C-alpha cells in the first residue's frame, strides 16, 4: 500500500471526524400532556443531548415565542391557558432549535426540530344525566370528567331548576316530584338534562354542552 494512499485515508478520516464533531443532533419537541385547555397547562420540552439554551417557535413563524435555558438534557417551560388563548387558535405547531456555546466563543445552532401540533381539548366533555325515582323524590346525578357545579334543566328550558356542587366526577342531589309537577309543560313524562360549569381561578369559566335528555314519568296533576 503506497504512502500517498495511506495519507489519503487518514485525511478522509479526519475530515469525517471533524464533520461529525461540527454537526448537531436535531432536537425533539415533546408535550406533556399532548393537549391544553382551561384546566390543564402543558409542559413543552426541547430535548437534545447537549446545549446551552433553546429557542421555541410557533406555526413556522421566524419570530420566536421564547428562549429557555438548557438543563439536564432539555429546555422546558409550562404553557398556561391564559398565554395560549392570546394566539386565538384551536391548534398550533411548535418547534425548537438548540444553541450551544463553543470554546471559541461562537454559538452553534442546531437544525430545527420537526414541528409538533398542540391541540385544545374539551376540559369537561359531554356530561351524562341519570335520574332515579324514589318515593316522592327524584335522585339526580350528572357525570363529567371535570367541573365545579352542575345545572339541571327541565324540558330543554333555559333556566335550571337546581344547581348542585361537583365532586369526584359527579354532582348528586334530589328534588321533590311536586316541585317538577309545577314546572312541567305537559302531563306525564318530563325530560331532564344537565350541564356542567368549570370555574378555574384566574382563567375563563367554561360551561359544557347539555347532556342527552332523559325522559321520566312523574305522578300527579299539574297545578
Protein backbone atom coordinates (compact mmCIF):
# COMPACT_ATOMS: atom_id res chain seq x y z
CA UNK A 1 0.00 0.00 0.00
CA UNK A 2 1.52 3.32 -1.06
CA UNK A 3 2.23 6.15 1.36
CA UNK A 4 0.01 8.52 -0.62
CA UNK A 5 -2.94 6.12 -0.30
CA UNK A 6 -2.42 5.85 3.48
CA UNK A 7 -2.30 9.64 3.76
CA UNK A 8 -5.49 9.92 1.72
CA UNK A 9 -7.31 7.55 4.08
CA UNK A 10 -6.01 9.47 7.11
CA UNK A 11 -7.09 12.84 5.74
CA UNK A 12 -10.53 11.47 4.85
CA UNK A 13 -10.93 10.05 8.37
CA UNK A 14 -10.01 13.36 9.98
CA UNK A 15 -12.47 15.18 7.74
CA UNK A 16 -15.30 12.82 8.67
CA UNK A 17 -14.45 13.14 12.36
CA UNK A 18 -14.45 16.94 12.20
CA UNK A 19 -17.69 16.92 10.24
CA UNK A 20 -19.36 14.77 12.89
CA UNK A 21 -17.98 16.97 15.65
CA UNK A 22 -19.36 20.09 13.98
CA UNK A 23 -22.82 18.64 13.34
CA UNK A 24 -25.58 18.96 15.92
CA UNK A 25 -28.22 16.34 16.60
CA UNK A 26 -31.68 17.55 15.62
CA UNK A 27 -33.69 18.31 18.78
CA UNK A 28 -37.06 16.78 19.53
CA UNK A 29 -40.05 18.70 20.85
CA UNK A 30 -42.26 16.90 23.39
CA UNK A 31 -45.57 17.83 25.10
CA UNK A 32 -46.89 16.58 28.42
CA UNK A 33 -49.82 16.13 28.12
CA UNK A 34 -50.32 16.39 24.35
CA UNK A 35 -53.21 18.88 24.68
CA UNK A 36 -54.11 22.09 26.52
CA UNK A 37 -57.32 23.53 27.95
CA UNK A 38 -58.53 25.98 30.58
CA UNK A 39 -57.89 23.49 33.39
CA UNK A 40 -54.76 21.78 32.06
CA UNK A 41 -51.49 23.55 31.19
CA UNK A 42 -48.91 21.75 29.07
CA UNK A 43 -45.18 21.29 29.64
CA UNK A 44 -43.24 21.91 26.41
CA UNK A 45 -39.77 20.32 26.18
CA UNK A 46 -37.00 20.65 23.61
CA UNK A 47 -34.78 17.59 24.04
CA UNK A 48 -31.18 17.18 22.86
CA UNK A 49 -28.01 15.51 24.23
CA UNK A 50 -26.29 18.87 24.73
CA UNK A 51 -26.92 22.59 24.51
CA UNK A 52 -26.87 25.96 26.23
CA UNK A 53 -30.35 27.28 25.53
CA UNK A 54 -33.35 26.66 23.28
CA UNK A 55 -35.47 28.90 21.12
CA UNK A 56 -39.13 27.98 20.58
CA UNK A 57 -41.24 28.87 17.53
CA UNK A 58 -44.94 28.74 16.65
CA UNK A 59 -46.53 27.91 13.30
CA UNK A 60 -43.24 28.27 11.39
CA UNK A 61 -43.08 31.98 12.25
CA UNK A 62 -39.43 33.15 12.27
CA UNK A 63 -40.17 35.30 15.31
CA UNK A 64 -39.61 33.14 18.41
CA UNK A 65 -42.14 32.80 21.22
CA UNK A 66 -39.42 32.43 23.83
CA UNK A 67 -35.93 31.35 24.87
CA UNK A 68 -35.27 28.90 27.71
CA UNK A 69 -32.03 27.74 29.37
CA UNK A 70 -30.88 24.16 28.76
CA UNK A 71 -30.77 21.86 31.80
CA UNK A 72 -30.32 18.10 32.14
CA UNK A 73 -30.94 17.09 28.55
CA UNK A 74 -33.68 19.56 27.65
CA UNK A 75 -35.14 23.04 27.82
CA UNK A 76 -38.70 23.21 29.08
CA UNK A 77 -41.42 25.66 30.03
CA UNK A 78 -45.04 25.46 31.13
CA UNK A 79 -47.56 26.92 28.70
CA UNK A 80 -50.63 28.20 30.55
CA UNK A 81 -54.09 28.63 29.09
CA UNK A 82 -54.17 32.42 29.53
CA UNK A 83 -51.00 32.63 27.42
CA UNK A 84 -52.19 30.15 24.79
CA UNK A 85 -55.57 31.83 24.28
CA UNK A 86 -53.85 35.08 23.24
CA UNK A 87 -52.94 33.32 19.99
CA UNK A 88 -56.66 32.85 19.24
CA UNK A 89 -56.05 29.34 17.90
CA UNK A 90 -57.56 25.91 18.46
CA UNK A 91 -54.27 24.25 17.49
CA UNK A 92 -50.67 25.36 16.94
CA UNK A 93 -47.48 23.81 15.58
CA UNK A 94 -44.49 24.27 17.90
CA UNK A 95 -40.82 23.67 17.08
CA UNK A 96 -37.43 24.50 18.59
CA UNK A 97 -33.70 24.86 17.95
CA UNK A 98 -30.79 24.27 20.33
CA UNK A 99 -28.00 26.80 20.79
CA UNK A 100 -24.60 25.76 22.16
CA UNK A 101 -21.71 27.99 23.19
CA UNK A 102 -18.39 26.88 21.70
CA UNK A 103 -14.96 27.20 23.29
CA UNK A 104 -14.03 29.85 20.73
CA UNK A 105 -16.96 32.00 21.99
CA UNK A 106 -19.03 31.32 18.87
CA UNK A 107 -22.56 29.92 19.07
CA UNK A 108 -23.58 26.76 17.26
CA UNK A 109 -27.24 26.43 16.22
CA UNK A 110 -28.91 23.08 15.60
CA UNK A 111 -31.30 22.26 12.83
CA UNK A 112 -34.95 22.97 13.76
CA UNK A 113 -36.88 20.15 15.32
CA UNK A 114 -39.83 18.70 13.49
CA UNK A 115 -42.93 20.75 14.30
CA UNK A 116 -45.42 19.12 16.62
CA UNK A 117 -49.09 20.04 16.84
CA UNK A 118 -50.63 21.09 20.14
CA UNK A 119 -54.43 20.92 20.25
CA UNK A 120 -57.10 22.34 22.53
CA UNK A 121 -59.19 19.68 24.26
CA UNK A 122 -62.60 19.94 25.89
CA UNK A 123 -61.93 20.11 29.65
CA UNK A 124 -65.40 18.85 30.59
CA UNK A 125 -66.68 16.67 27.78
CA UNK A 126 -70.35 15.91 27.25
CA UNK A 127 -72.00 15.13 30.60
CA UNK A 128 -74.45 12.32 31.21
CA UNK A 129 -77.56 12.61 33.36
CA UNK A 130 -79.13 9.88 35.49
CA UNK A 131 -82.42 10.08 37.37
CA UNK A 132 -83.87 7.57 39.84
CA UNK A 133 -87.36 7.90 41.27
CA UNK A 134 -87.54 7.09 45.00
CA UNK A 135 -90.93 7.72 46.58
CA UNK A 136 -91.88 11.34 46.05
CA UNK A 137 -88.35 12.41 45.14
CA UNK A 138 -86.10 12.17 42.12
CA UNK A 139 -82.45 11.37 42.79
CA UNK A 140 -80.34 13.35 40.32
CA UNK A 141 -76.87 12.52 39.07
CA UNK A 142 -74.74 14.34 36.48
CA UNK A 143 -71.38 12.84 35.48
CA UNK A 144 -68.49 14.64 33.71
CA UNK A 145 -64.70 14.45 33.68
CA UNK A 146 -64.25 17.89 35.29
CA UNK A 147 -66.37 20.62 36.79
CA UNK A 148 -67.27 22.92 39.66
CA UNK A 149 -71.09 22.87 39.57
CA UNK A 150 -73.89 21.12 37.70
CA UNK A 151 -77.14 22.63 36.47
CA UNK A 152 -80.27 20.57 35.83
CA UNK A 153 -82.87 21.63 33.28
CA UNK A 154 -86.46 20.59 32.61
CA UNK A 155 -87.80 20.02 29.08
CA UNK A 156 -84.90 21.87 27.42
CA UNK A 157 -85.75 25.08 29.25
CA UNK A 158 -83.32 27.97 29.52
CA UNK A 159 -83.49 28.20 33.32
CA UNK A 160 -82.17 25.46 35.57
CA UNK A 161 -84.35 24.10 38.36
CA UNK A 162 -81.47 23.09 40.64
CA UNK A 163 -77.72 23.68 40.96
CA UNK A 164 -75.52 21.08 42.66
CA UNK A 165 -71.82 21.04 43.64
CA UNK A 166 -69.39 18.87 41.67
CA UNK A 167 -67.17 16.36 43.46
CA UNK A 168 -65.28 13.26 42.32
CA UNK A 169 -66.52 13.46 38.71
CA UNK A 170 -70.19 13.76 39.64
CA UNK A 171 -72.92 16.00 41.05
CA UNK A 172 -75.60 14.30 43.12
CA UNK A 173 -78.76 15.59 44.78
CA UNK A 174 -82.50 15.23 44.78
CA UNK A 175 -85.61 17.22 44.03
CA UNK A 176 -89.21 16.78 45.16
CA UNK A 177 -91.51 15.40 42.49
CA UNK A 178 -94.09 18.02 43.47
CA UNK A 179 -91.69 20.81 42.52
CA UNK A 180 -91.31 19.47 38.99
CA UNK A 181 -95.05 18.93 38.65
CA UNK A 182 -95.49 22.69 38.92
CA UNK A 183 -92.85 23.33 36.26
CA UNK A 184 -93.69 20.76 33.62
CA UNK A 185 -95.31 21.83 30.37
CA UNK A 186 -97.06 18.54 29.60
CA UNK A 187 -98.68 15.81 31.64
CA UNK A 188 -96.92 12.57 32.47
CA UNK A 189 -93.41 12.41 31.00
CA UNK A 190 -90.77 15.06 31.56
CA UNK A 191 -87.26 15.36 30.14
CA UNK A 192 -84.25 16.27 32.26
CA UNK A 193 -80.81 17.38 31.07
CA UNK A 194 -77.73 18.63 32.88
CA UNK A 195 -74.80 20.89 32.04
CA UNK A 196 -71.54 21.32 33.94
CA UNK A 197 -69.74 24.55 34.76
CA UNK A 198 -65.99 24.65 35.37
CA UNK A 199 -64.51 27.65 37.18
CA UNK A 200 -60.70 27.94 37.18
CA UNK A 201 -59.25 30.72 39.35
CA UNK A 202 -57.58 33.34 37.17
CA UNK A 203 -58.89 31.75 33.98
CA UNK A 204 -62.12 31.55 31.98
CA UNK A 205 -65.33 29.95 33.21
CA UNK A 206 -66.39 27.15 30.88
CA UNK A 207 -69.85 25.60 30.55
CA UNK A 208 -70.37 22.25 28.86
CA UNK A 209 -72.99 21.35 26.33
CA UNK A 210 -76.16 19.75 27.69
CA UNK A 211 -76.38 16.04 28.26
CA UNK A 212 -78.75 13.93 26.22
CA UNK A 213 -82.29 14.36 27.62
CA UNK A 214 -83.58 11.65 29.91
CA UNK A 215 -87.33 11.03 29.99
CA UNK A 216 -89.10 10.07 33.19
CA UNK A 217 -92.76 9.89 34.18
CA UNK A 218 -93.90 11.65 37.33
CA UNK A 219 -97.23 11.26 39.11
CA UNK A 220 -99.85 13.80 39.97
CA UNK A 221 -101.57 16.57 38.07
CA UNK A 222 -100.12 19.91 37.13
CA UNK A 223 -101.45 22.72 39.36
